[in-house]
Protein backbone atom coordinates (compact mmCIF):
# COMPACT_ATOMS: atom_id res chain seq x y z
CA UNK A 1 1.22 -11.91 101.34
CA UNK A 2 0.62 -7.65 101.52
CA UNK A 3 4.75 -7.13 101.10
CA UNK A 4 4.10 -9.21 97.93
CA UNK A 5 1.64 -7.26 97.15
CA UNK A 6 3.06 -3.46 97.85
CA UNK A 7 6.37 -4.67 96.28
CA UNK A 8 4.26 -5.78 92.86
CA UNK A 9 1.87 -2.44 92.17
CA UNK A 10 5.21 -0.37 92.92
CA UNK A 11 7.00 -2.56 89.93
CA UNK A 12 4.35 -2.05 88.04
CA UNK A 13 3.79 1.65 88.30
CA UNK A 14 7.38 2.57 88.05
CA UNK A 15 8.18 0.70 84.58
CA UNK A 16 4.98 1.44 83.22
CA UNK A 17 6.01 4.44 83.78
CA UNK A 18 9.30 4.64 82.52
CA UNK A 19 7.12 2.89 79.21
CA UNK A 20 4.48 5.75 78.95
CA UNK A 21 7.38 8.85 80.16
CA UNK A 22 9.28 7.39 76.73
CA UNK A 23 6.81 6.75 74.08
CA UNK A 24 5.89 9.88 74.88
CA UNK A 25 9.68 11.00 73.88
CA UNK A 26 9.56 9.47 70.89
CA UNK A 27 6.59 11.47 69.39
CA UNK A 28 8.65 14.46 69.99
CA UNK A 29 10.73 12.77 67.67
CA UNK A 30 8.32 12.25 65.10
CA UNK A 31 7.58 15.99 64.65
CA UNK A 32 11.25 16.68 64.41
CA UNK A 33 11.77 14.34 61.71
CA UNK A 34 8.30 14.84 59.78
CA UNK A 35 10.41 19.26 60.22
CA UNK A 36 12.77 18.17 57.91
CA UNK A 37 13.04 19.47 53.98
CA UNK A 38 11.18 16.82 51.74
CA UNK A 39 14.44 17.41 49.75
CA UNK A 40 16.99 16.17 52.90
CA UNK A 41 14.51 13.57 53.56
CA UNK A 42 14.84 12.29 49.93
CA UNK A 43 18.25 12.18 50.49
CA UNK A 44 18.45 10.00 52.75
CA UNK A 45 16.67 7.52 52.01
CA UNK A 46 13.74 7.10 48.90
CA UNK A 47 10.03 8.30 49.70
CA UNK A 48 7.11 5.97 49.55
CA UNK A 49 4.47 7.55 48.40
CA UNK A 50 1.59 7.57 50.82
CA UNK A 51 -1.63 5.40 50.43
CA UNK A 52 -4.55 7.13 50.25
CA UNK A 53 -7.01 5.81 53.05
CA UNK A 54 -10.82 6.48 53.07
CA UNK A 55 -11.51 7.73 55.97
CA UNK A 56 -12.10 5.41 59.24
CA UNK A 57 -13.60 5.34 62.65
CA UNK A 58 -10.70 5.50 65.33
CA UNK A 59 -13.01 4.33 67.87
CA UNK A 60 -16.38 2.60 68.43
CA UNK A 61 -18.60 -0.78 67.66
CA UNK A 62 -18.21 -0.07 63.82
CA UNK A 63 -14.48 0.53 63.90
CA UNK A 64 -13.78 -3.01 66.06
CA UNK A 65 -16.46 -4.85 64.06
CA UNK A 66 -14.08 -3.24 61.28
CA UNK A 67 -10.85 -4.37 62.66
CA UNK A 68 -12.56 -8.48 63.50
CA UNK A 69 -13.41 -8.28 60.02
CA UNK A 70 -10.13 -7.68 58.51
CA UNK A 71 -8.41 -10.01 61.66
CA UNK A 72 -10.91 -12.01 59.98
CA UNK A 73 -9.84 -12.64 55.88
CA UNK A 74 -5.93 -13.08 57.66
CA UNK A 75 -4.64 -16.08 55.76
CA UNK A 76 -4.28 -17.57 59.34
CA UNK A 77 -7.44 -17.01 61.10
CA UNK A 78 -9.44 -17.94 58.35
CA UNK A 79 -7.10 -21.16 58.14
CA UNK A 80 -8.15 -21.40 61.68
CA UNK A 81 -12.19 -21.19 61.00
CA UNK A 82 -11.83 -23.11 58.56
CA UNK A 83 -9.62 -26.32 61.17
CA UNK A 84 -12.24 -24.98 63.22
CA UNK A 85 -15.18 -25.81 61.32
CA UNK A 86 -14.10 -29.16 59.59
CA UNK A 87 -13.68 -30.72 62.43
CA UNK A 88 -16.19 -29.59 64.53
CA UNK A 89 -18.65 -31.12 61.27
CA UNK A 90 -16.52 -33.89 61.41
CA UNK A 91 -16.94 -35.18 63.79
CA UNK A 92 -20.47 -34.28 64.17
CA UNK A 93 -22.22 -36.47 61.69
CA UNK A 94 -19.32 -39.14 61.89
CA UNK A 95 -20.91 -39.54 64.74
CA UNK A 96 -24.62 -39.61 63.15
CA UNK A 97 -23.84 -42.12 60.85
CA UNK A 98 -22.21 -44.23 63.69
CA UNK A 99 -25.68 -44.44 65.75
CA UNK A 100 -27.04 -45.17 61.85
CA UNK A 101 -25.39 -48.36 62.04
CA UNK A 102 -22.64 -46.83 59.77
CA UNK A 103 -19.11 -46.17 59.15
CA UNK A 104 -18.61 -42.98 60.96
CA UNK A 105 -15.85 -41.42 57.53
CA UNK A 106 -19.78 -41.71 55.49
CA UNK A 107 -20.14 -38.90 57.88
CA UNK A 108 -17.16 -37.11 57.62
CA UNK A 109 -18.04 -37.82 53.19
CA UNK A 110 -20.98 -35.79 53.73
CA UNK A 111 -19.37 -33.34 55.98
CA UNK A 112 -17.21 -32.43 53.80
CA UNK A 113 -19.40 -32.63 50.79
CA UNK A 114 -22.12 -30.25 52.72
CA UNK A 115 -19.29 -27.44 53.17
CA UNK A 116 -18.76 -26.94 49.84
CA UNK A 117 -20.74 -25.44 47.16
CA UNK A 118 -23.34 -28.98 46.96
CA UNK A 119 -25.33 -27.14 50.48
CA UNK A 120 -23.38 -24.39 51.87
CA UNK A 121 -22.54 -23.15 48.77
CA UNK A 122 -25.72 -23.01 47.20
CA UNK A 123 -27.51 -21.58 50.43
CA UNK A 124 -25.42 -18.70 51.88
CA UNK A 125 -22.78 -18.24 48.32
CA UNK A 126 -21.41 -15.31 50.28
CA UNK A 127 -20.53 -16.91 54.29
CA UNK A 128 -19.03 -19.72 51.73
CA UNK A 129 -17.40 -17.23 49.51
CA UNK A 130 -15.64 -15.41 53.55
CA UNK A 131 -14.60 -18.84 55.05
CA UNK A 132 -13.90 -20.38 52.26
CA UNK A 133 -12.20 -17.79 49.32
CA UNK A 134 -10.62 -20.02 46.38
CA UNK A 135 -6.94 -18.21 47.64
CA UNK A 136 -7.50 -20.32 50.70
CA UNK A 137 -7.64 -24.07 48.43
CA UNK A 138 -3.65 -24.69 47.79
CA UNK A 139 -3.24 -24.14 52.16
CA UNK A 140 -6.28 -27.17 52.17
CA UNK A 141 -5.18 -29.44 49.64
CA UNK A 142 -1.12 -29.10 51.17
CA UNK A 143 -2.89 -30.29 54.14
CA UNK A 144 -4.76 -32.66 53.86
CA UNK A 145 -1.88 -33.90 51.22
CA UNK A 146 0.08 -35.09 54.49
CA UNK A 147 -2.86 -36.53 56.29
CA UNK A 148 -3.21 -38.62 53.38
CA UNK A 149 0.65 -39.88 53.24
CA UNK A 150 0.40 -40.49 56.72
CA UNK A 151 -3.10 -42.54 56.67
CA UNK A 152 -1.58 -44.68 52.67
CA UNK A 153 1.39 -45.76 55.06
CA UNK A 154 -0.73 -46.41 57.80
CA UNK A 155 -3.06 -48.73 55.39
CA UNK A 156 0.26 -51.11 54.51
CA UNK A 157 1.11 -51.16 58.32
CA UNK A 158 -1.89 -52.81 57.76
CA UNK A 159 -0.72 -55.00 55.64
CA UNK A 160 -0.19 -58.67 56.85
CA UNK A 161 2.20 -60.72 54.12
CA UNK A 162 2.39 -63.32 56.10
CA UNK A 163 -1.65 -63.98 56.12
CA UNK A 164 -1.92 -62.66 53.14
CA UNK A 165 0.12 -66.05 51.86
CA UNK A 166 -1.59 -68.21 54.24
CA UNK A 167 -4.51 -68.39 52.03
CA UNK A 168 -3.44 -66.86 48.22
CA UNK A 169 -4.80 -69.46 46.68
CA UNK A 170 -8.19 -68.47 47.08
CA UNK A 171 -7.82 -64.92 47.48
CA UNK A 172 -5.61 -64.17 44.59
CA UNK A 173 -8.29 -65.61 42.50
CA UNK A 174 -11.15 -63.80 44.12
CA UNK A 175 -9.32 -60.31 44.45
CA UNK A 176 -8.02 -59.84 40.56
CA UNK A 177 -11.25 -61.52 38.90
CA UNK A 178 -12.81 -59.09 41.42
CA UNK A 179 -10.88 -56.42 40.15
CA UNK A 180 -11.01 -57.14 36.53
CA UNK A 181 -14.28 -57.74 35.71
CA UNK A 182 -15.16 -54.07 37.19
CA UNK A 183 -12.78 -52.51 35.24
CA UNK A 184 -13.56 -54.12 31.84
CA UNK A 185 -17.20 -52.10 33.21
CA UNK A 186 -15.13 -48.91 33.61
CA UNK A 187 -13.77 -49.30 30.64
CA UNK A 188 -16.17 -50.39 28.38
CA UNK A 189 -18.85 -47.69 30.27
CA UNK A 190 -15.83 -44.92 29.34
CA UNK A 191 -16.85 -45.74 25.11
CA UNK A 192 -20.95 -44.51 25.75
CA UNK A 193 -19.30 -41.26 28.24
CA UNK A 194 -16.06 -40.00 26.98
CA UNK A 195 -17.37 -37.54 24.18
CA UNK A 196 -19.87 -36.22 26.38
CA UNK A 197 -17.82 -35.98 29.86
CA UNK A 198 -14.09 -36.32 29.55
CA UNK A 199 -12.14 -33.54 29.98
CA UNK A 200 -10.94 -31.73 26.69
CA UNK A 201 -8.10 -32.65 26.02
CA UNK A 202 -8.14 -36.52 27.60
CA UNK A 203 -6.71 -38.95 25.40
CA UNK A 204 -9.26 -41.99 25.61
CA UNK A 205 -6.49 -44.05 26.75
CA UNK A 206 -6.12 -42.29 30.19
CA UNK A 207 -9.98 -41.65 30.67
CA UNK A 208 -11.22 -45.34 29.99
CA UNK A 209 -8.02 -46.67 31.91
CA UNK A 210 -8.46 -44.31 34.49
CA UNK A 211 -12.43 -44.91 34.97
CA UNK A 212 -11.94 -49.28 34.70
CA UNK A 213 -8.95 -48.17 38.36
CA UNK A 214 -12.31 -46.52 39.92
CA UNK A 215 -14.92 -49.28 39.34
CA UNK A 216 -12.15 -51.46 40.75
CA UNK A 217 -11.16 -49.75 44.23
CA UNK A 218 -11.94 -51.52 47.49
CA UNK A 219 -11.80 -49.51 51.22
CA UNK A 220 -9.47 -51.76 52.85
CA UNK A 221 -9.55 -48.89 56.00
CA UNK A 222 -13.47 -49.25 55.93
CA UNK A 223 -13.55 -52.92 55.76
CA UNK A 224 -11.45 -53.55 58.20
CA UNK A 225 -13.71 -51.54 60.98
CA UNK A 226 -16.78 -52.83 59.33
CA UNK A 227 -15.60 -55.70 60.14
CA UNK A 228 -14.72 -54.95 63.90
CA UNK A 229 -17.95 -53.71 64.78
CA UNK A 230 -20.16 -56.53 63.36
CA UNK A 231 -17.10 -58.45 64.92
CA UNK A 232 -16.39 -60.34 62.32
CA UNK A 233 -12.55 -60.18 61.91
CA UNK A 234 -12.02 -63.88 63.69
CA UNK A 235 -14.20 -65.31 60.94
CA UNK A 236 -13.77 -67.53 57.85
CA UNK A 237 -15.64 -64.64 56.36
CA UNK A 238 -13.91 -61.79 57.87
CA UNK A 239 -10.12 -63.36 57.31
CA UNK A 240 -10.47 -63.90 53.42
CA UNK A 241 -12.56 -60.57 53.20
CA UNK A 242 -8.79 -59.27 54.74
CA UNK A 243 -6.80 -61.25 52.28
CA UNK A 244 -9.17 -60.26 49.21
CA UNK A 245 -8.86 -56.55 50.28
CA UNK A 246 -5.52 -56.71 50.46
CA UNK A 247 -4.15 -57.92 47.46
CA UNK A 248 -6.50 -56.40 45.92
CA UNK A 249 -4.84 -52.81 47.08
CA UNK A 250 -2.37 -53.95 46.27
CA UNK A 251 -3.07 -55.32 42.31
CA UNK A 252 -5.17 -51.56 42.66
CA UNK A 253 -2.44 -48.94 43.04
CA UNK A 254 -0.02 -50.88 40.93
CA UNK A 255 -2.51 -50.19 37.88
CA UNK A 256 -2.99 -47.15 39.46
CA UNK A 257 1.26 -45.96 39.21
CA UNK A 258 0.86 -47.44 35.96
CA UNK A 259 -2.13 -45.34 34.84
CA UNK A 260 -0.71 -42.04 35.94
CA UNK A 261 2.82 -42.97 34.93
CA UNK A 262 1.65 -42.60 31.42
CA UNK A 263 -0.11 -39.91 31.42
CA UNK A 264 2.10 -38.11 33.57
CA UNK A 265 4.77 -39.12 31.02
CA UNK A 266 2.31 -38.68 27.82
CA UNK A 267 2.36 -42.04 26.24
CA UNK A 268 2.94 -46.12 27.00
CA UNK A 269 6.62 -45.21 25.19
CA UNK A 270 8.06 -43.21 28.14
CA UNK A 271 6.23 -44.47 31.07
CA UNK A 272 8.81 -47.03 30.13
CA UNK A 273 11.05 -45.68 32.13
CA UNK A 274 9.00 -44.60 35.31
CA UNK A 275 7.78 -48.03 35.81
CA UNK A 276 11.20 -49.14 35.64
CA UNK A 277 12.02 -47.00 38.32
CA UNK A 278 8.73 -47.65 40.70
CA UNK A 279 9.45 -51.69 40.15
CA UNK A 280 13.26 -51.05 41.53
CA UNK A 281 11.72 -48.58 44.05
CA UNK A 282 9.34 -51.82 45.33
CA UNK A 283 13.08 -54.05 45.79
CA UNK A 284 14.80 -51.80 47.47
CA UNK A 285 11.85 -50.68 50.38
CA UNK A 286 11.83 -54.55 50.51
CA UNK A 287 14.45 -55.92 50.53
CA UNK A 288 17.03 -53.07 51.34
CA UNK A 289 14.69 -50.73 53.66
CA UNK A 290 12.57 -53.36 55.71
CA UNK A 291 15.58 -55.68 56.90
CA UNK A 292 17.27 -52.59 58.07
CA UNK A 293 14.11 -51.07 59.86
CA UNK A 294 13.28 -54.49 60.78
CA UNK A 295 16.83 -54.30 63.28
CA UNK A 296 17.32 -51.63 63.72
CA UNK A 297 13.62 -51.71 65.69
CA UNK A 298 14.17 -55.18 66.76
CA UNK A 299 17.42 -53.98 68.55
CA UNK A 300 15.35 -50.16 70.00
CA UNK A 301 12.77 -53.01 71.04
CA UNK A 302 14.51 -54.25 73.81
CA UNK A 303 15.44 -51.09 75.45
CA UNK A 304 11.86 -49.68 75.61
CA UNK A 305 8.08 -51.79 74.10
CA UNK A 306 7.02 -48.95 72.58
CA UNK A 307 8.49 -46.97 69.33
CA UNK A 308 10.35 -43.74 70.77
CA UNK A 309 10.46 -40.15 69.20
CA UNK A 310 13.62 -40.62 67.54
CA UNK A 311 12.35 -43.29 65.83
CA UNK A 312 9.26 -42.18 65.32
CA UNK A 313 11.06 -39.58 63.15
CA UNK A 314 13.44 -41.73 61.38
CA UNK A 315 10.03 -43.55 60.36
CA UNK A 316 7.88 -39.62 59.24
CA UNK A 317 11.27 -39.11 57.20
CA UNK A 318 11.37 -43.12 55.14
CA UNK A 319 7.41 -41.90 54.65
CA UNK A 320 7.87 -38.91 53.34
CA UNK A 321 11.03 -40.51 51.65
CA UNK A 322 9.77 -42.47 50.12
CA UNK A 323 6.61 -40.27 48.50
CA UNK A 324 8.89 -37.57 47.65
CA UNK A 325 10.70 -40.90 45.96
CA UNK A 326 7.57 -41.33 43.67
CA UNK A 327 6.13 -38.73 43.31
CA UNK A 328 9.72 -37.27 41.46
CA UNK A 329 9.53 -39.85 38.88
CA UNK A 330 6.04 -39.43 37.77
CA UNK A 331 3.48 -41.65 40.01
CA UNK A 332 2.41 -40.28 43.12
CA UNK A 333 3.45 -39.25 46.64
CA UNK A 334 0.88 -41.46 48.56
CA UNK A 335 2.37 -44.88 46.57
CA UNK A 336 5.32 -43.79 48.34
CA UNK A 337 3.48 -43.74 51.40
CA UNK A 338 1.68 -46.82 51.04
CA UNK A 339 5.14 -48.66 50.31
CA UNK A 340 7.58 -47.28 53.25
CA UNK A 341 4.06 -49.20 55.78
CA UNK A 342 5.01 -52.27 53.85
CA UNK A 343 7.90 -52.28 54.80
CA UNK A 344 7.99 -51.61 58.15
CA UNK A 345 8.92 -54.38 60.18
CA UNK A 346 6.07 -56.87 61.03
CA UNK A 347 7.03 -56.70 65.13
CA UNK A 348 3.30 -56.74 66.04
CA UNK A 349 2.78 -55.08 69.19
CA UNK A 350 5.91 -52.20 66.95
CA UNK A 351 2.76 -51.63 64.35
CA UNK A 352 0.15 -51.32 67.18
CA UNK A 353 2.17 -48.46 69.51
CA UNK A 354 2.84 -45.99 65.98
CA UNK A 355 -0.43 -47.27 64.30
CA UNK A 356 -2.18 -45.57 67.63
CA UNK A 357 0.19 -42.43 67.68
CA UNK A 358 0.02 -41.82 64.37
CA UNK A 359 -3.45 -43.05 63.32
CA UNK A 360 -5.25 -40.60 66.09
CA UNK A 361 -3.67 -37.21 64.64
CA UNK A 362 -4.15 -38.41 61.17
CA UNK A 363 -7.97 -39.40 61.74
CA UNK A 364 -9.06 -36.64 63.86
CA UNK A 365 -7.74 -34.07 62.02
CA UNK A 366 -5.85 -34.41 59.01
CA UNK A 367 -8.43 -36.29 57.40
CA UNK A 368 -11.21 -34.56 57.77
CA UNK A 369 -8.92 -32.09 55.50
CA UNK A 370 -9.53 -34.14 53.01
CA UNK A 371 -13.44 -34.88 53.42
CA UNK A 372 -13.72 -31.00 53.73
CA UNK A 373 -11.46 -30.75 50.07
CA UNK A 374 -13.49 -33.23 48.50
CA UNK A 375 -16.21 -31.77 49.64
CA UNK A 376 -15.12 -28.24 47.82
CA UNK A 377 -14.21 -29.21 44.53
CA UNK A 378 -17.51 -31.76 44.90
CA UNK A 379 -20.42 -29.96 42.51
CA UNK A 380 -23.48 -31.35 42.15
CA UNK A 381 -24.99 -28.87 41.40
CA UNK A 382 -23.61 -29.51 37.65
CA UNK A 383 -25.36 -32.67 37.38
CA UNK A 384 -28.99 -30.49 36.20
CA UNK A 385 -30.70 -32.54 33.18
CA UNK A 386 -31.67 -35.81 33.16
CA UNK A 387 -28.11 -37.61 30.95
CA UNK A 388 -26.16 -36.71 34.54
CA UNK A 389 -27.90 -38.19 36.42
CA UNK A 390 -28.35 -41.22 34.51
CA UNK A 391 -24.71 -41.93 34.35
CA UNK A 392 -23.88 -41.22 37.55
CA UNK A 393 -26.66 -43.84 38.33
CA UNK A 394 -25.08 -46.61 35.65
CA UNK A 395 -21.43 -46.23 37.21
CA UNK A 396 -22.94 -46.77 40.31
CA UNK A 397 -24.90 -49.89 38.41
CA UNK A 398 -21.33 -50.46 36.78
CA UNK A 399 -19.66 -50.26 40.16
CA UNK A 400 -21.31 -52.07 42.20
CA UNK A 401 -22.28 -55.86 39.56
CA UNK A 402 -18.86 -56.00 38.55
CA UNK A 403 -17.48 -55.46 42.24
CA UNK A 404 -20.41 -56.98 44.34
CA UNK A 405 -21.30 -59.92 41.10
CA UNK A 406 -17.48 -60.69 40.52
CA UNK A 407 -16.67 -60.94 43.83
CA UNK A 408 -19.86 -63.51 44.79
CA UNK A 409 -19.69 -65.54 41.66
CA UNK A 410 -15.91 -66.27 41.95
CA UNK A 411 -16.03 -67.27 45.50
CA UNK A 412 -19.00 -69.54 44.78
CA UNK A 413 -16.68 -71.32 42.29
CA UNK A 414 -14.00 -71.54 44.34
CA UNK A 415 -16.31 -73.80 47.52
CA UNK A 416 -17.73 -70.68 49.77
CA UNK A 417 -21.66 -70.77 50.03
CA UNK A 418 -24.34 -68.23 48.67
CA UNK A 419 -24.18 -66.71 51.98
CA UNK A 420 -20.84 -65.88 52.80
CA UNK A 421 -20.40 -65.28 49.07
CA UNK A 422 -22.49 -62.52 48.44
CA UNK A 423 -21.29 -61.20 51.61
CA UNK A 424 -17.74 -60.60 51.20
CA UNK A 425 -19.17 -59.28 47.57
CA UNK A 426 -20.94 -56.20 49.91
CA UNK A 427 -18.15 -56.10 51.62
CA UNK A 428 -15.11 -55.38 48.27
CA UNK A 429 -17.82 -53.29 47.19
CA UNK A 430 -17.30 -51.37 50.56
CA UNK A 431 -14.96 -47.92 48.41
CA UNK A 432 -15.12 -44.82 50.87
CA UNK A 433 -11.81 -42.94 51.05
CA UNK A 434 -9.38 -45.09 49.21
CA UNK A 435 -11.75 -43.92 46.42
CA UNK A 436 -12.39 -40.50 46.70
CA UNK A 437 -8.37 -40.57 47.20
CA UNK A 438 -7.59 -41.83 43.92
CA UNK A 439 -10.26 -39.78 42.54
CA UNK A 440 -8.48 -36.64 43.48
CA UNK A 441 -5.65 -38.13 42.07
CA UNK A 442 -7.88 -38.20 38.82
CA UNK A 443 -9.31 -35.54 38.92
CA UNK A 444 -5.86 -33.35 39.91
CA UNK A 445 -4.57 -34.43 37.35
CA UNK A 446 -7.31 -33.52 34.28
CA UNK A 447 -7.72 -37.57 33.91
CA UNK A 448 -11.79 -36.65 34.61
CA UNK A 449 -13.75 -33.73 34.39
CA UNK A 450 -15.91 -31.90 37.33
CA UNK A 451 -18.99 -33.68 36.36
CA UNK A 452 -17.91 -36.76 36.74
CA UNK A 453 -15.57 -36.34 40.06
CA UNK A 454 -18.88 -35.13 40.57
CA UNK A 455 -20.50 -38.56 39.78
CA UNK A 456 -17.89 -41.49 40.92
CA UNK A 457 -17.83 -39.08 44.74
CA UNK A 458 -21.46 -40.31 45.00
CA UNK A 459 -20.52 -43.16 43.59
CA UNK A 460 -18.36 -43.77 46.64
CA UNK A 461 -20.34 -42.39 48.91
CA UNK A 462 -23.26 -44.90 47.94
CA UNK A 463 -21.37 -47.87 47.79
CA UNK A 464 -19.75 -47.25 50.47
CA UNK A 465 -23.20 -46.90 52.89
CA UNK A 466 -24.66 -50.10 51.16
CA UNK A 467 -22.32 -52.67 52.31
CA UNK A 468 -24.21 -52.42 55.88
CA UNK A 469 -27.76 -52.89 54.65
CA UNK A 470 -26.62 -55.76 52.21
CA UNK A 471 -24.31 -58.13 54.93
CA UNK A 472 -27.94 -57.56 57.66
CA UNK A 473 -29.99 -58.47 53.90
CA UNK A 474 -28.01 -61.53 53.43
CA UNK A 475 -28.39 -63.02 56.81
CA UNK A 476 -31.74 -61.94 56.93
CA UNK A 477 -32.27 -64.14 53.70
CA UNK A 478 -29.30 -66.66 55.00
CA UNK A 479 -31.20 -67.34 58.27
CA UNK A 480 -34.65 -67.38 56.07
CA UNK A 481 -33.72 -70.44 53.73
CA UNK A 482 -31.36 -72.42 55.42
CA UNK A 483 -31.88 -72.14 59.52
CA UNK A 484 -29.22 -75.41 59.20
CA UNK A 485 -27.25 -73.63 56.78
CA UNK A 486 -23.47 -74.10 56.60
CA UNK A 487 -21.31 -71.63 58.50
CA UNK A 488 -18.04 -70.20 58.27
CA UNK A 489 -17.89 -68.54 62.46
CA UNK A 490 -13.94 -71.46 62.68
CA UNK A 491 -12.12 -68.82 64.14
CA UNK A 492 -7.95 -69.02 61.96
């Protein structure tokens, strides 16, 4: 041991001394170089005029503090600070709302708003500007978009098309009426707010079609999480809600693709080509990519039950290629990722392994970036007058009446009892993260203004928050009014 320590010390001293002597020799070269006449140095290389700098202390606490502040302003350092703050705050708020009986996504959404100009920006403007300067938004946006692309891929992968087909008779009617009714109310409401709240250069067609979409969305993943938390997944109500939400998601995203195509193309005529390309892409994904992926995965799963690294790389290439294609043709990258998820093999074990590998990283790291980015864009301070808050309340009422009411009465028409019909309506009224994704699409395209964006974000939070209390209220009223009520609790 002593022999090794002695060798270590001697080696460090020898090479350390060599480094020191070499640096001292190099300093003599600096003196020689600086003594060369200006004309000679200009002949060898172009001269760069010295940049005058303010006098700075060479050492001490002041200089150390100044160096730290300058290093924190480096883009990488700033991004790391943002990531730490966003992930921690999202985790804290998510855990808090879970304890309150709400989905974690609500807390994560609120954490994003807290980090934005509505809370931190209003209370601590200097700190907010230092941590989230405007020039850093681009990096956050790109990272958050990657997270949302992976999220939409997982959403598409969770859709069970066979299960949808088995319950299509009831689910199609409920889900489509629960889309068309709030869509109509959203378009109708646009008549009253277009002149005062729409962006300057947006046509009424684009604004009204998008507001209809914003009123019609159901957050499939949040709904599934609520059902799981309340142990309703394997009940008649849970199975019907999952199927209706799945069909509704497919329909709503198809309508959104059509609306985005119209906005980007500048009219219905030019959008037809985009729609034809999108239909061709759907057919290729369902009838070419899906069978090919199924054959490939079946062969590989015979060797290894879990997806290998090579398989995950190949799947990510399919996801990002699909997202790229739909982005390029003028729809949106999220639609391609969603279709890539639907095109994955139906093997439940494979999907479960793949979901665990992708969702853990995406949900814990990338999606909080999306919430933070959305919060940075949400300026609740714009709603300073009674008219703004009145319109915001109107949006919440229209969204709730359209989605909950349309679902409830249609479900009752198909034969469900009032309790299950009301519960199904409350579940379908959940918007959550999917609504924020849609709203960001509209904001990026300039369809909705900053004020409408803030209003609709509040609407998304409110309607998602009310789902749990409405379900509890429905159960309470059901027990009071019908002690021996008809129950749909059979396992499917």
